[in-house]
Amino acid sequence: MNNDPVENLIEDYKKYAEENGLKLNPDKKIIEVLIKKLLENEEKYGEKYCPCRFITGDCEKDKKKICPCVFMDSEIKKQGHCHCSLFVK
């Protein structure tokens, strides 16, 4: 691992995608923006909440919005990508 948290998280999500029959969005710019937002959410809220989800501050309700969120599978089946387009079929 290198010292760049963005690149490290991209690698982590690539591994996750491979292990789960998915891919990361092929657009590197989109990936970098989303990863930066995930890291911002982690710094602000203490968790890597999906940047496309509204965070209420209720830890129990927001738990399902931690990336990869619980909505991802159904969104990918329905539209071919998760809501924020981090993961694709």
C-alpha atoms as a PDB file:
ATOM      1  CA  MET A   1       0.000   0.000   0.000  1.00  0.00           C
ATOM      2  CA  ASN A   2       1.116   3.516  -0.696  1.00  0.00           C
ATOM      3  CA  ASN A   3       0.496   6.675   1.301  1.00  0.00           C
ATOM      4  CA  ASP A   4      -2.355   7.953  -0.872  1.00  0.00           C
ATOM      5  CA  PRO A   5      -5.654   7.209   0.907  1.00  0.00           C
ATOM      6  CA  VAL A   6      -7.625   7.711  -2.316  1.00  0.00           C
ATOM      7  CA  GLU A   7      -5.571   5.139  -4.244  1.00  0.00           C
ATOM      8  CA  ASN A   8      -5.638   2.742  -1.284  1.00  0.00           C
ATOM      9  CA  LEU A   9      -9.421   2.905  -1.057  1.00  0.00           C
ATOM     10  CA  ILE A  10      -9.765   2.477  -4.816  1.00  0.00           C
ATOM     11  CA  GLU A  11      -7.705  -0.706  -4.531  1.00  0.00           C
ATOM     12  CA  ASP A  12      -9.859  -1.914  -1.618  1.00  0.00           C
ATOM     13  CA  TYR A  13     -13.056  -1.346  -3.607  1.00  0.00           C
ATOM     14  CA  LYS A  14     -11.551  -3.013  -6.698  1.00  0.00           C
ATOM     15  CA  LYS A  15     -10.909  -6.120  -4.591  1.00  0.00           C
ATOM     16  CA  TYR A  16     -14.427  -5.948  -3.156  1.00  0.00           C
ATOM     17  CA  ALA A  17     -15.876  -5.652  -6.657  1.00  0.00           C
ATOM     18  CA  GLU A  18     -13.870  -8.613  -7.961  1.00  0.00           C
ATOM     19  CA  GLU A  19     -14.861 -10.766  -4.983  1.00  0.00           C
ATOM     20  CA  ASN A  20     -18.538  -9.929  -5.569  1.00  0.00           C
ATOM     21  CA  GLY A  21     -18.771 -10.243  -9.357  1.00  0.00           C
ATOM     22  CA  LEU A  22     -18.837  -6.487  -9.920  1.00  0.00           C
ATOM     23  CA  LYS A  23     -16.607  -3.824 -11.421  1.00  0.00           C
ATOM     24  CA  LEU A  24     -15.724  -0.318 -10.455  1.00  0.00           C
ATOM     25  CA  ASN A  25     -17.019   2.340 -12.795  1.00  0.00           C
ATOM     26  CA  PRO A  26     -14.492   2.511 -15.664  1.00  0.00           C
ATOM     27  CA  ASP A  27     -14.434   6.334 -15.462  1.00  0.00           C
ATOM     28  CA  LYS A  28     -11.426   7.046 -13.230  1.00  0.00           C
ATOM     29  CA  LYS A  29     -12.484  10.680 -12.644  1.00  0.00           C
ATOM     30  CA  ILE A  30     -15.871   9.607 -11.293  1.00  0.00           C
ATOM     31  CA  ILE A  31     -14.192   7.002  -9.077  1.00  0.00           C
ATOM     32  CA  GLU A  32     -11.765   9.550  -7.650  1.00  0.00           C
ATOM     33  CA  VAL A  33     -14.569  12.039  -6.884  1.00  0.00           C
ATOM     34  CA  LEU A  34     -16.657   9.350  -5.172  1.00  0.00           C
ATOM     35  CA  ILE A  35     -13.712   8.013  -3.169  1.00  0.00           C
ATOM     36  CA  LYS A  36     -12.816  11.524  -1.991  1.00  0.00           C
ATOM     37  CA  LYS A  37     -16.420  12.023  -0.878  1.00  0.00           C
ATOM     38  CA  LEU A  38     -16.371   8.689   0.957  1.00  0.00           C
ATOM     39  CA  LEU A  39     -13.221   9.764   2.775  1.00  0.00           C
ATOM     40  CA  GLU A  40     -14.774  13.157   3.569  1.00  0.00           C
ATOM     41  CA  ASN A  41     -17.810  11.391   5.028  1.00  0.00           C
ATOM     42  CA  GLU A  42     -15.544   9.173   7.089  1.00  0.00           C
ATOM     43  CA  GLU A  43     -13.751  12.219   8.455  1.00  0.00           C
ATOM     44  CA  LYS A  44     -17.010  14.080   9.115  1.00  0.00           C
ATOM     45  CA  TYR A  45     -19.218  11.214  10.373  1.00  0.00           C
ATOM     46  CA  GLY A  46     -16.794   8.448  11.314  1.00  0.00           C
ATOM     47  CA  GLU A  47     -17.994   6.079   8.567  1.00  0.00           C
ATOM     48  CA  LYS A  48     -17.641   5.832   4.798  1.00  0.00           C
ATOM     49  CA  TYR A  49     -21.241   6.703   4.041  1.00  0.00           C
ATOM     50  CA  CYS A  50     -22.252   6.563   0.399  1.00  0.00           C
ATOM     51  CA  PRO A  51     -21.978  10.065  -1.023  1.00  0.00           C
ATOM     52  CA  CYS A  52     -25.329   9.682  -2.770  1.00  0.00           C
ATOM     53  CA  ARG A  53     -27.245   9.082   0.469  1.00  0.00           C
ATOM     54  CA  PHE A  54     -28.665  11.588   2.937  1.00  0.00           C
ATOM     55  CA  ILE A  55     -27.058  11.156   6.357  1.00  0.00           C
ATOM     56  CA  THR A  56     -29.516  11.784   9.179  1.00  0.00           C
ATOM     57  CA  GLY A  57     -27.133  11.587  12.133  1.00  0.00           C
ATOM     58  CA  ASP A  58     -29.052   8.590  13.521  1.00  0.00           C
ATOM     59  CA  CYS A  59     -26.301   5.963  13.596  1.00  0.00           C
ATOM     60  CA  GLU A  60     -28.765   3.068  13.550  1.00  0.00           C
ATOM     61  CA  LYS A  61     -30.685   4.364  10.513  1.00  0.00           C
ATOM     62  CA  ASP A  62     -27.549   5.485   8.725  1.00  0.00           C
ATOM     63  CA  LYS A  63     -25.717   2.175   9.246  1.00  0.00           C
ATOM     64  CA  LYS A  64     -27.236   0.739   6.068  1.00  0.00           C
ATOM     65  CA  LYS A  65     -25.786   3.680   4.079  1.00  0.00           C
ATOM     66  CA  ILE A  66     -22.157   2.697   4.728  1.00  0.00           C
ATOM     67  CA  CYS A  67     -20.464   1.865   1.428  1.00  0.00           C
ATOM     68  CA  PRO A  68     -21.028  -0.684   0.051  1.00  0.00           C
ATOM     69  CA  CYS A  69     -24.573   0.058   1.177  1.00  0.00           C
ATOM     70  CA  VAL A  70     -27.441  -2.402   1.532  1.00  0.00           C
ATOM     71  CA  PHE A  71     -29.257  -0.854  -1.438  1.00  0.00           C
ATOM     72  CA  MET A  72     -26.449  -1.597  -3.866  1.00  0.00           C
ATOM     73  CA  ASP A  73     -27.429  -5.119  -4.959  1.00  0.00           C
ATOM     74  CA  SER A  74     -31.006  -4.228  -5.872  1.00  0.00           C
ATOM     75  CA  GLU A  75     -29.905  -1.040  -7.657  1.00  0.00           C
ATOM     76  CA  ILE A  76     -27.306  -2.918  -9.701  1.00  0.00           C
ATOM     77  CA  LYS A  77     -29.862  -5.588 -10.650  1.00  0.00           C
ATOM     78  CA  LYS A  78     -32.399  -2.928 -11.622  1.00  0.00           C
ATOM     79  CA  GLN A  79     -30.248  -0.322 -13.382  1.00  0.00           C
ATOM     80  CA  GLY A  80     -26.831  -1.927 -13.922  1.00  0.00           C
ATOM     81  CA  HIS A  81     -25.046   0.255 -11.349  1.00  0.00           C
ATOM     82  CA  CYS A  82     -25.439   1.424  -7.785  1.00  0.00           C
ATOM     83  CA  HIS A  83     -27.035   4.826  -7.190  1.00  0.00           C
ATOM     84  CA  CYS A  84     -23.739   6.741  -7.103  1.00  0.00           C
ATOM     85  CA  SER A  85     -22.291   4.597  -9.927  1.00  0.00           C
ATOM     86  CA  LEU A  86     -19.245   3.477  -7.966  1.00  0.00           C
ATOM     87  CA  PHE A  87     -20.021  -0.172  -8.728  1.00  0.00           C
ATOM     88  CA  VAL A  88     -21.356  -1.492 -12.034  1.00  0.00           C
ATOM     89  CA  LYS A  89     -22.330  -4.889 -13.429  1.00  0.00           C
END
